[in-house]
PDB file of N, CA and C in Angstrom:
ATOM      1  N   MET A   1      84.146 -46.351 -28.427  1.00  0.00           N
ATOM      2  CA  MET A   1      83.737 -44.947 -28.419  1.00  0.00           C
ATOM      3  C   MET A   1      84.983 -44.057 -28.361  1.00  0.00           C
ATOM      4  N   ALA A   2      84.969 -42.988 -29.094  1.00  0.00           N
ATOM      5  CA  ALA A   2      86.094 -42.050 -29.122  1.00  0.00           C
ATOM      6  C   ALA A   2      86.141 -41.237 -27.832  1.00  0.00           C
ATOM      7  N   ASN A   3      87.288 -40.616 -27.582  1.00  0.00           N
ATOM      8  CA  ASN A   3      87.414 -39.718 -26.444  1.00  0.00           C
ATOM      9  C   ASN A   3      86.442 -38.561 -26.634  1.00  0.00           C
ATOM     10  N   THR A   4      85.592 -38.367 -25.647  1.00  0.00           N
ATOM     11  CA  THR A   4      84.517 -37.381 -25.751  1.00  0.00           C
ATOM     12  C   THR A   4      84.644 -36.327 -24.662  1.00  0.00           C
ATOM     13  N   CYS A   5      84.420 -35.098 -25.039  1.00  0.00           N
ATOM     14  CA  CYS A   5      84.452 -33.985 -24.099  1.00  0.00           C
ATOM     15  C   CYS A   5      83.119 -33.249 -24.219  1.00  0.00           C
ATOM     16  N   THR A   6      82.449 -33.075 -23.078  1.00  0.00           N
ATOM     17  CA  THR A   6      81.168 -32.387 -23.061  1.00  0.00           C
ATOM     18  C   THR A   6      81.356 -30.989 -22.488  1.00  0.00           C
ATOM     19  N   PHE A   7      80.946 -30.004 -23.234  1.00  0.00           N
ATOM     20  CA  PHE A   7      80.978 -28.615 -22.785  1.00  0.00           C
ATOM     21  C   PHE A   7      79.551 -28.252 -22.378  1.00  0.00           C
ATOM     22  N   ILE A   8      79.358 -27.965 -21.110  1.00  0.00           N
ATOM     23  CA  ILE A   8      78.058 -27.552 -20.597  1.00  0.00           C
ATOM     24  C   ILE A   8      78.104 -26.030 -20.475  1.00  0.00           C
ATOM     25  N   ILE A   9      77.341 -25.370 -21.315  1.00  0.00           N
ATOM     26  CA  ILE A   9      77.393 -23.912 -21.421  1.00  0.00           C
ATOM     27  C   ILE A   9      76.087 -23.333 -20.885  1.00  0.00           C
ATOM     28  N   ASP A  10      76.146 -22.778 -19.677  1.00  0.00           N
ATOM     29  CA  ASP A  10      74.953 -22.264 -19.013  1.00  0.00           C
ATOM     30  C   ASP A  10      74.839 -20.762 -19.278  1.00  0.00           C
ATOM     31  N   LEU A  11      73.939 -20.407 -20.164  1.00  0.00           N
ATOM     32  CA  LEU A  11      73.771 -19.010 -20.567  1.00  0.00           C
ATOM     33  C   LEU A  11      72.603 -18.323 -19.874  1.00  0.00           C
ATOM     34  N   ARG A  12      71.976 -18.998 -18.915  1.00  0.00           N
ATOM     35  CA  ARG A  12      70.791 -18.411 -18.278  1.00  0.00           C
ATOM     36  C   ARG A  12      71.101 -17.109 -17.565  1.00  0.00           C
ATOM     37  N   GLU A  13      72.306 -16.991 -17.001  1.00  0.00           N
ATOM     38  CA  GLU A  13      72.663 -15.761 -16.299  1.00  0.00           C
ATOM     39  C   GLU A  13      74.026 -15.241 -16.735  1.00  0.00           C
ATOM     40  N   ALA A  14      74.433 -15.549 -17.945  1.00  0.00           N
ATOM     41  CA  ALA A  14      75.747 -15.128 -18.437  1.00  0.00           C
ATOM     42  C   ALA A  14      75.831 -13.617 -18.476  1.00  0.00           C
ATOM     43  N   LYS A  15      76.938 -13.094 -17.988  1.00  0.00           N
ATOM     44  CA  LYS A  15      77.130 -11.645 -17.906  1.00  0.00           C
ATOM     45  C   LYS A  15      78.028 -11.111 -19.024  1.00  0.00           C
ATOM     46  N   LYS A  16      78.742 -11.992 -19.715  1.00  0.00           N
ATOM     47  CA  LYS A  16      79.665 -11.568 -20.764  1.00  0.00           C
ATOM     48  C   LYS A  16      78.944 -11.476 -22.105  1.00  0.00           C
ATOM     49  N   GLN A  17      79.571 -10.760 -23.023  1.00  0.00           N
ATOM     50  CA  GLN A  17      79.049 -10.640 -24.388  1.00  0.00           C
ATOM     51  C   GLN A  17      79.298 -11.957 -25.134  1.00  0.00           C
ATOM     52  N   PRO A  18      78.472 -12.268 -26.144  1.00  0.00           N
ATOM     53  CA  PRO A  18      78.640 -13.515 -26.889  1.00  0.00           C
ATOM     54  C   PRO A  18      80.052 -13.727 -27.441  1.00  0.00           C
ATOM     55  N   GLU A  19      80.712 -12.661 -27.892  1.00  0.00           N
ATOM     56  CA  GLU A  19      82.059 -12.799 -28.453  1.00  0.00           C
ATOM     57  C   GLU A  19      83.055 -13.254 -27.386  1.00  0.00           C
ATOM     58  N   GLU A  20      82.939 -12.710 -26.171  1.00  0.00           N
ATOM     59  CA  GLU A  20      83.827 -13.100 -25.070  1.00  0.00           C
ATOM     60  C   GLU A  20      83.584 -14.550 -24.672  1.00  0.00           C
ATOM     61  N   ILE A  21      82.323 -14.922 -24.593  1.00  0.00           N
ATOM     62  CA  ILE A  21      81.967 -16.304 -24.263  1.00  0.00           C
ATOM     63  C   ILE A  21      82.546 -17.239 -25.303  1.00  0.00           C
ATOM     64  N   CYS A  22      82.358 -16.899 -26.568  1.00  0.00           N
ATOM     65  CA  CYS A  22      82.819 -17.757 -27.659  1.00  0.00           C
ATOM     66  C   CYS A  22      84.342 -17.903 -27.649  1.00  0.00           C
ATOM     67  N   GLN A  23      85.053 -16.844 -27.384  1.00  0.00           N
ATOM     68  CA  GLN A  23      86.518 -16.920 -27.380  1.00  0.00           C
ATOM     69  C   GLN A  23      87.033 -17.818 -26.251  1.00  0.00           C
ATOM     70  N   LEU A  24      86.395 -17.761 -25.068  1.00  0.00           N
ATOM     71  CA  LEU A  24      86.803 -18.651 -23.982  1.00  0.00           C
ATOM     72  C   LEU A  24      86.504 -20.101 -24.345  1.00  0.00           C
ATOM     73  N   ILE A  25      85.325 -20.347 -24.902  1.00  0.00           N
ATOM     74  CA  ILE A  25      84.954 -21.709 -25.294  1.00  0.00           C
ATOM     75  C   ILE A  25      85.901 -22.208 -26.380  1.00  0.00           C
ATOM     76  N   LYS A  26      86.228 -21.359 -27.338  1.00  0.00           N
ATOM     77  CA  LYS A  26      87.160 -21.744 -28.412  1.00  0.00           C
ATOM     78  C   LYS A  26      88.533 -22.089 -27.845  1.00  0.00           C
ATOM     79  N   SER A  27      88.994 -21.320 -26.878  1.00  0.00           N
ATOM     80  CA  SER A  27      90.279 -21.579 -26.235  1.00  0.00           C
ATOM     81  C   SER A  27      90.270 -22.943 -25.550  1.00  0.00           C
ATOM     82  N   LYS A  28      89.206 -23.236 -24.809  1.00  0.00           N
ATOM     83  CA  LYS A  28      89.095 -24.529 -24.127  1.00  0.00           C
ATOM     84  C   LYS A  28      88.929 -25.660 -25.132  1.00  0.00           C
ATOM     85  N   PHE A  29      88.167 -25.404 -26.197  1.00  0.00           N
ATOM     86  CA  PHE A  29      87.993 -26.403 -27.255  1.00  0.00           C
ATOM     87  C   PHE A  29      89.353 -26.778 -27.849  1.00  0.00           C
ATOM     88  N   SER A  30      90.176 -25.783 -28.157  1.00  0.00           N
ATOM     89  CA  SER A  30      91.507 -26.035 -28.717  1.00  0.00           C
ATOM     90  C   SER A  30      92.370 -26.824 -27.740  1.00  0.00           C
ATOM     91  N   GLU A  31      92.270 -26.478 -26.463  1.00  0.00           N
ATOM     92  CA  GLU A  31      93.038 -27.177 -25.424  1.00  0.00           C
ATOM     93  C   GLU A  31      92.682 -28.663 -25.391  1.00  0.00           C
ATOM     94  N   TYR A  32      91.396 -28.970 -25.413  1.00  0.00           N
ATOM     95  CA  TYR A  32      90.974 -30.369 -25.350  1.00  0.00           C
ATOM     96  C   TYR A  32      91.192 -31.091 -26.676  1.00  0.00           C
ATOM     97  N   LEU A  33      91.129 -30.396 -27.779  1.00  0.00           N
ATOM     98  CA  LEU A  33      91.457 -30.973 -29.075  1.00  0.00           C
ATOM     99  C   LEU A  33      92.921 -31.409 -29.073  1.00  0.00           C
ATOM    100  N   ASN A  34      93.793 -30.574 -28.518  1.00  0.00           N
ATOM    101  CA  ASN A  34      95.218 -30.906 -28.414  1.00  0.00           C
ATOM    102  C   ASN A  34      95.483 -32.050 -27.454  1.00  0.00           C
ATOM    103  N   LYS A  35      94.579 -32.277 -26.495  1.00  0.00           N
ATOM    104  CA  LYS A  35      94.724 -33.401 -25.563  1.00  0.00           C
ATOM    105  C   LYS A  35      94.298 -34.715 -26.192  1.00  0.00           C
ATOM    106  N   GLY A  36      93.749 -34.663 -27.409  1.00  0.00           N
ATOM    107  CA  GLY A  36      93.373 -35.885 -28.112  1.00  0.00           C
ATOM    108  C   GLY A  36      91.891 -36.182 -28.167  1.00  0.00           C
ATOM    109  N   TYR A  37      91.068 -35.277 -27.709  1.00  0.00           N
ATOM    110  CA  TYR A  37      89.622 -35.494 -27.814  1.00  0.00           C
ATOM    111  C   TYR A  37      89.192 -35.272 -29.257  1.00  0.00           C
ATOM    112  N   SER A  38      88.307 -36.137 -29.724  1.00  0.00           N
ATOM    113  CA  SER A  38      87.866 -36.039 -31.114  1.00  0.00           C
ATOM    114  C   SER A  38      86.356 -35.853 -31.252  1.00  0.00           C
ATOM    115  N   VAL A  39      85.637 -36.007 -30.151  1.00  0.00           N
ATOM    116  CA  VAL A  39      84.188 -35.828 -30.165  1.00  0.00           C
ATOM    117  C   VAL A  39      83.831 -34.837 -29.062  1.00  0.00           C
ATOM    118  N   PHE A  40      83.060 -33.817 -29.425  1.00  0.00           N
ATOM    119  CA  PHE A  40      82.650 -32.791 -28.474  1.00  0.00           C
ATOM    120  C   PHE A  40      81.139 -32.676 -28.478  1.00  0.00           C
ATOM    121  N   LYS A  41      80.566 -32.671 -27.296  1.00  0.00           N
ATOM    122  CA  LYS A  41      79.133 -32.437 -27.136  1.00  0.00           C
ATOM    123  C   LYS A  41      78.983 -31.091 -26.453  1.00  0.00           C
ATOM    124  N   PHE A  42      78.233 -30.217 -27.049  1.00  0.00           N
ATOM    125  CA  PHE A  42      77.950 -28.916 -26.459  1.00  0.00           C
ATOM    126  C   PHE A  42      76.509 -28.958 -25.977  1.00  0.00           C
ATOM    127  N   ILE A  43      76.332 -28.814 -24.676  1.00  0.00           N
ATOM    128  CA  ILE A  43      75.006 -28.745 -24.082  1.00  0.00           C
ATOM    129  C   ILE A  43      74.796 -27.286 -23.671  1.00  0.00           C
ATOM    130  N   VAL A  44      73.903 -26.597 -24.342  1.00  0.00           N
ATOM    131  CA  VAL A  44      73.649 -25.185 -24.068  1.00  0.00           C
ATOM    132  C   VAL A  44      72.387 -25.094 -23.211  1.00  0.00           C
ATOM    133  N   ILE A  45      72.553 -24.513 -22.018  1.00  0.00           N
ATOM    134  CA  ILE A  45      71.426 -24.362 -21.102  1.00  0.00           C
ATOM    135  C   ILE A  45      70.912 -22.930 -21.217  1.00  0.00           C
ATOM    136  N   THR A  46      69.709 -22.796 -21.720  1.00  0.00           N
ATOM    137  CA  THR A  46      69.117 -21.467 -21.913  1.00  0.00           C
ATOM    138  C   THR A  46      67.637 -21.607 -22.216  1.00  0.00           C
ATOM    139  N   HIS A  47      66.929 -20.520 -22.005  1.00  0.00           N
ATOM    140  CA  HIS A  47      65.514 -20.448 -22.371  1.00  0.00           C
ATOM    141  C   HIS A  47      65.340 -19.676 -23.666  1.00  0.00           C
ATOM    142  N   GLU A  48      66.428 -19.181 -24.219  1.00  0.00           N
ATOM    143  CA  GLU A  48      66.401 -18.337 -25.413  1.00  0.00           C
ATOM    144  C   GLU A  48      66.221 -19.171 -26.684  1.00  0.00           C
ATOM    145  N   GLU A  49      65.897 -18.494 -27.747  1.00  0.00           N
ATOM    146  CA  GLU A  49      65.795 -19.122 -29.058  1.00  0.00           C
ATOM    147  C   GLU A  49      67.198 -19.321 -29.645  1.00  0.00           C
ATOM    148  N   LEU A  50      67.323 -20.215 -30.589  1.00  0.00           N
ATOM    149  CA  LEU A  50      68.600 -20.545 -31.216  1.00  0.00           C
ATOM    150  C   LEU A  50      69.356 -19.299 -31.679  1.00  0.00           C
ATOM    151  N   HIS A  51      68.694 -18.414 -32.401  1.00  0.00           N
ATOM    152  CA  HIS A  51      69.378 -17.239 -32.953  1.00  0.00           C
ATOM    153  C   HIS A  51      69.907 -16.309 -31.866  1.00  0.00           C
ATOM    154  N   GLU A  52      69.416 -16.444 -30.638  1.00  0.00           N
ATOM    155  CA  GLU A  52      69.860 -15.568 -29.555  1.00  0.00           C
ATOM    156  C   GLU A  52      71.112 -16.069 -28.847  1.00  0.00           C
ATOM    157  N   TRP A  53      71.451 -17.366 -28.967  1.00  0.00           N
ATOM    158  CA  TRP A  53      72.654 -17.876 -28.307  1.00  0.00           C
ATOM    159  C   TRP A  53      73.674 -18.480 -29.262  1.00  0.00           C
ATOM    160  N   LEU A  54      73.324 -18.617 -30.512  1.00  0.00           N
ATOM    161  CA  LEU A  54      74.239 -19.242 -31.465  1.00  0.00           C
ATOM    162  C   LEU A  54      75.594 -18.533 -31.547  1.00  0.00           C
ATOM    163  N   ASP A  55      75.613 -17.212 -31.428  1.00  0.00           N
ATOM    164  CA  ASP A  55      76.881 -16.475 -31.491  1.00  0.00           C
ATOM    165  C   ASP A  55      77.840 -16.855 -30.368  1.00  0.00           C
ATOM    166  N   CYS A  56      77.329 -17.444 -29.294  1.00  0.00           N
ATOM    167  CA  CYS A  56      78.181 -17.852 -28.171  1.00  0.00           C
ATOM    168  C   CYS A  56      79.030 -19.076 -28.506  1.00  0.00           C
ATOM    169  N   ILE A  57      78.672 -19.800 -29.554  1.00  0.00           N
ATOM    170  CA  ILE A  57      79.482 -20.970 -29.953  1.00  0.00           C
ATOM    171  C   ILE A  57      79.874 -20.942 -31.427  1.00  0.00           C
ATOM    172  N   ARG A  58      79.410 -19.953 -32.160  1.00  0.00           N
ATOM    173  CA  ARG A  58      79.661 -19.880 -33.606  1.00  0.00           C
ATOM    174  C   ARG A  58      81.148 -19.944 -33.950  1.00  0.00           C
ATOM    175  N   CYS A  59      82.000 -19.244 -33.208  1.00  0.00           N
ATOM    176  CA  CYS A  59      83.423 -19.203 -33.552  1.00  0.00           C
ATOM    177  C   CYS A  59      84.070 -20.575 -33.411  1.00  0.00           C
ATOM    178  N   VAL A  60      83.540 -21.415 -32.533  1.00  0.00           N
ATOM    179  CA  VAL A  60      84.082 -22.768 -32.373  1.00  0.00           C
ATOM    180  C   VAL A  60      83.684 -23.623 -33.569  1.00  0.00           C
ATOM    181  N   ILE A  61      82.425 -23.531 -33.943  1.00  0.00           N
ATOM    182  CA  ILE A  61      81.934 -24.327 -35.070  1.00  0.00           C
ATOM    183  C   ILE A  61      82.642 -23.916 -36.360  1.00  0.00           C
ATOM    184  N   GLU A  62      82.835 -22.632 -36.567  1.00  0.00           N
ATOM    185  CA  GLU A  62      83.505 -22.151 -37.775  1.00  0.00           C
ATOM    186  C   GLU A  62      84.984 -22.508 -37.781  1.00  0.00           C
ATOM    187  N   TYR A  63      85.612 -22.561 -36.619  1.00  0.00           N
ATOM    188  CA  TYR A  63      87.036 -22.857 -36.481  1.00  0.00           C
ATOM    189  C   TYR A  63      87.332 -24.346 -36.649  1.00  0.00           C
ATOM    190  N   ASN A  64      86.417 -25.196 -36.199  1.00  0.00           N
ATOM    191  CA  ASN A  64      86.649 -26.633 -36.148  1.00  0.00           C
ATOM    192  C   ASN A  64      86.908 -27.233 -37.530  1.00  0.00           C
ATOM    193  N   ILE A  65      87.957 -28.057 -37.592  1.00  0.00           N
ATOM    194  CA  ILE A  65      88.228 -28.781 -38.836  1.00  0.00           C
ATOM    195  C   ILE A  65      88.485 -30.259 -38.611  1.00  0.00           C
ATOM    196  N   SER A  66      88.584 -30.691 -37.341  1.00  0.00           N
ATOM    197  CA  SER A  66      89.003 -32.075 -37.133  1.00  0.00           C
ATOM    198  C   SER A  66      88.290 -32.817 -36.011  1.00  0.00           C
ATOM    199  N   ALA A  67      87.137 -32.355 -35.589  1.00  0.00           N
ATOM    200  CA  ALA A  67      86.415 -33.045 -34.523  1.00  0.00           C
ATOM    201  C   ALA A  67      84.936 -33.112 -34.867  1.00  0.00           C
ATOM    202  N   THR A  68      84.267 -34.043 -34.237  1.00  0.00           N
ATOM    203  CA  THR A  68      82.820 -34.143 -34.367  1.00  0.00           C
ATOM    204  C   THR A  68      82.192 -33.316 -33.256  1.00  0.00           C
ATOM    205  N   ILE A  69      81.276 -32.445 -33.617  1.00  0.00           N
ATOM    206  CA  ILE A  69      80.607 -31.597 -32.638  1.00  0.00           C
ATOM    207  C   ILE A  69      79.098 -31.797 -32.757  1.00  0.00           C
ATOM    208  N   THR A  70      78.451 -32.043 -31.620  1.00  0.00           N
ATOM    209  CA  THR A  70      76.993 -32.034 -31.580  1.00  0.00           C
ATOM    210  C   THR A  70      76.569 -30.966 -30.580  1.00  0.00           C
ATOM    211  N   VAL A  71      75.449 -30.336 -30.851  1.00  0.00           N
ATOM    212  CA  VAL A  71      74.949 -29.271 -29.985  1.00  0.00           C
ATOM    213  C   VAL A  71      73.503 -29.582 -29.625  1.00  0.00           C
ATOM    214  N   ASP A  72      73.212 -29.541 -28.327  1.00  0.00           N
ATOM    215  CA  ASP A  72      71.851 -29.707 -27.835  1.00  0.00           C
ATOM    216  C   ASP A  72      71.515 -28.524 -26.946  1.00  0.00           C
ATOM    217  N   GLN A  73      70.269 -28.140 -26.941  1.00  0.00           N
ATOM    218  CA  GLN A  73      69.804 -27.084 -26.050  1.00  0.00           C
ATOM    219  C   GLN A  73      68.882 -27.708 -25.020  1.00  0.00           C
ATOM    220  N   VAL A  74      69.086 -27.346 -23.752  1.00  0.00           N
ATOM    221  CA  VAL A  74      68.222 -27.808 -22.669  1.00  0.00           C
ATOM    222  C   VAL A  74      67.842 -26.609 -21.812  1.00  0.00           C
ATOM    223  N   ARG A  75      66.852 -26.780 -20.962  1.00  0.00           N
ATOM    224  CA  ARG A  75      66.412 -25.688 -20.089  1.00  0.00           C
ATOM    225  C   ARG A  75      67.073 -25.744 -18.719  1.00  0.00           C
ATOM    226  N   GLU A  76      67.602 -26.919 -18.335  1.00  0.00           N
ATOM    227  CA  GLU A  76      68.329 -27.051 -17.079  1.00  0.00           C
ATOM    228  C   GLU A  76      69.219 -28.286 -17.157  1.00  0.00           C
ATOM    229  N   ALA A  77      70.242 -28.318 -16.306  1.00  0.00           N
ATOM    230  CA  ALA A  77      71.187 -29.431 -16.305  1.00  0.00           C
ATOM    231  C   ALA A  77      70.800 -30.422 -15.223  1.00  0.00           C
ATOM    232  N   SER A  78      70.802 -31.692 -15.577  1.00  0.00           N
ATOM    233  CA  SER A  78      70.518 -32.716 -14.582  1.00  0.00           C
ATOM    234  C   SER A  78      71.757 -32.960 -13.728  1.00  0.00           C
ATOM    235  N   GLU A  79      71.556 -33.524 -12.554  1.00  0.00           N
ATOM    236  CA  GLU A  79      72.685 -33.846 -11.683  1.00  0.00           C
ATOM    237  C   GLU A  79      73.617 -34.832 -12.371  1.00  0.00           C
ATOM    238  N   GLU A  80      73.036 -35.772 -13.104  1.00  0.00           N
ATOM    239  CA  GLU A  80      73.849 -36.772 -13.804  1.00  0.00           C
ATOM    240  C   GLU A  80      74.747 -36.115 -14.850  1.00  0.00           C
ATOM    241  N   LEU A  81      74.232 -35.113 -15.522  1.00  0.00           N
ATOM    242  CA  LEU A  81      75.008 -34.419 -16.549  1.00  0.00           C
ATOM    243  C   LEU A  81      76.243 -33.749 -15.959  1.00  0.00           C
ATOM    244  N   VAL A  82      76.104 -33.105 -14.831  1.00  0.00           N
ATOM    245  CA  VAL A  82      77.228 -32.363 -14.255  1.00  0.00           C
ATOM    246  C   VAL A  82      78.086 -33.194 -13.298  1.00  0.00           C
ATOM    247  N   LYS A  83      77.678 -34.414 -13.002  1.00  0.00           N
ATOM    248  CA  LYS A  83      78.455 -35.279 -12.113  1.00  0.00           C
ATOM    249  C   LYS A  83      79.832 -35.548 -12.730  1.00  0.00           C
ATOM    250  N   GLY A  84      80.869 -35.260 -11.967  1.00  0.00           N
ATOM    251  CA  GLY A  84      82.228 -35.483 -12.436  1.00  0.00           C
ATOM    252  C   GLY A  84      82.744 -34.420 -13.383  1.00  0.00           C
ATOM    253  N   ALA A  85      82.003 -33.340 -13.548  1.00  0.00           N
ATOM    254  CA  ALA A  85      82.421 -32.270 -14.457  1.00  0.00           C
ATOM    255  C   ALA A  85      83.207 -31.206 -13.697  1.00  0.00           C
ATOM    256  N   GLU A  86      84.078 -30.517 -14.420  1.00  0.00           N
ATOM    257  CA  GLU A  86      84.906 -29.464 -13.822  1.00  0.00           C
ATOM    258  C   GLU A  86      84.379 -28.097 -14.236  1.00  0.00           C
ATOM    259  N   ARG A  87      84.175 -27.241 -13.255  1.00  0.00           N
ATOM    260  CA  ARG A  87      83.710 -25.878 -13.536  1.00  0.00           C
ATOM    261  C   ARG A  87      84.891 -25.039 -14.006  1.00  0.00           C
ATOM    262  N   VAL A  88      84.751 -24.415 -15.168  1.00  0.00           N
ATOM    263  CA  VAL A  88      85.826 -23.628 -15.770  1.00  0.00           C
ATOM    264  C   VAL A  88      85.579 -22.129 -15.579  1.00  0.00           C
ATOM    265  N   SER A  89      84.335 -21.713 -15.663  1.00  0.00           N
ATOM    266  CA  SER A  89      83.983 -20.303 -15.468  1.00  0.00           C
ATOM    267  C   SER A  89      82.556 -20.247 -14.950  1.00  0.00           C
ATOM    268  N   ASP A  90      82.020 -19.040 -14.834  1.00  0.00           N
ATOM    269  CA  ASP A  90      80.647 -18.921 -14.339  1.00  0.00           C
ATOM    270  C   ASP A  90      79.617 -19.464 -15.324  1.00  0.00           C
ATOM    271  N   PHE A  91      80.007 -19.736 -16.562  1.00  0.00           N
ATOM    272  CA  PHE A  91      79.050 -20.266 -17.538  1.00  0.00           C
ATOM    273  C   PHE A  91      79.507 -21.555 -18.217  1.00  0.00           C
ATOM    274  N   LEU A  92      80.741 -22.019 -17.948  1.00  0.00           N
ATOM    275  CA  LEU A  92      81.264 -23.179 -18.667  1.00  0.00           C
ATOM    276  C   LEU A  92      81.720 -24.266 -17.704  1.00  0.00           C
ATOM    277  N   THR A  93      81.236 -25.473 -17.947  1.00  0.00           N
ATOM    278  CA  THR A  93      81.633 -26.661 -17.193  1.00  0.00           C
ATOM    279  C   THR A  93      82.032 -27.710 -18.222  1.00  0.00           C
ATOM    280  N   ILE A  94      83.102 -28.449 -17.937  1.00  0.00           N
ATOM    281  CA  ILE A  94      83.604 -29.421 -18.902  1.00  0.00           C
ATOM    282  C   ILE A  94      83.674 -30.804 -18.255  1.00  0.00           C
ATOM    283  N   LYS A  95      83.184 -31.779 -18.989  1.00  0.00           N
ATOM    284  CA  LYS A  95      83.180 -33.163 -18.526  1.00  0.00           C
ATOM    285  C   LYS A  95      83.915 -34.005 -19.563  1.00  0.00           C
ATOM    286  N   GLU A  96      84.877 -34.809 -19.098  1.00  0.00           N
ATOM    287  CA  GLU A  96      85.695 -35.612 -19.997  1.00  0.00           C
ATOM    288  C   GLU A  96      85.305 -37.094 -19.923  1.00  0.00           C
ATOM    289  N   TYR A  97      85.391 -37.765 -21.056  1.00  0.00           N
ATOM    290  CA  TYR A  97      85.239 -39.218 -21.094  1.00  0.00           C
ATOM    291  C   TYR A  97      86.317 -39.769 -22.018  1.00  0.00           C
ATOM    292  N   ARG A  98      87.186 -40.586 -21.451  1.00  0.00           N
ATOM    293  CA  ARG A  98      88.230 -41.225 -22.247  1.00  0.00           C
ATOM    294  C   ARG A  98      87.937 -42.706 -22.344  1.00  0.00           C
ATOM    295  N   GLU A  99      88.179 -43.262 -23.519  1.00  0.00           N
ATOM    296  CA  GLU A  99      88.020 -44.707 -23.695  1.00  0.00           C
ATOM    297  C   GLU A  99      88.878 -45.431 -22.666  1.00  0.00           C
ATOM    298  N   GLY A 100      88.336 -46.511 -22.152  1.00  0.00           N
ATOM    299  CA  GLY A 100      89.105 -47.305 -21.208  1.00  0.00           C
ATOM    300  C   GLY A 100      88.927 -46.872 -19.770  1.00  0.00           C
ATOM    301  N   LYS A 101      88.238 -45.777 -19.520  1.00  0.00           N
ATOM    302  CA  LYS A 101      87.989 -45.332 -18.136  1.00  0.00           C
ATOM    303  C   LYS A 101      86.806 -46.038 -17.575  1.00  0.00           C
TER     304      LYS A 101
END
């Protein structure tokens, strides 16, 4: 399995505009891409419809040229999902998985 980084994006109470959210996520995405991660899972936690939160990650998807990205939407995060994850902001948590760990 390739080095995988999971971005848990909790938009249920996000206070920032979609463009601000997207720029922070893009910055972190670039950081982890430079660390050698090649697979990214985006777990978006929200009750909204796709068209209402897509702008929060659109800039990452449009920018990406060298990684595999999957996006899932859930209504809440399980304890297992966030176990071992690092909180980056009030809406972003990142969990790393490296081969051999």
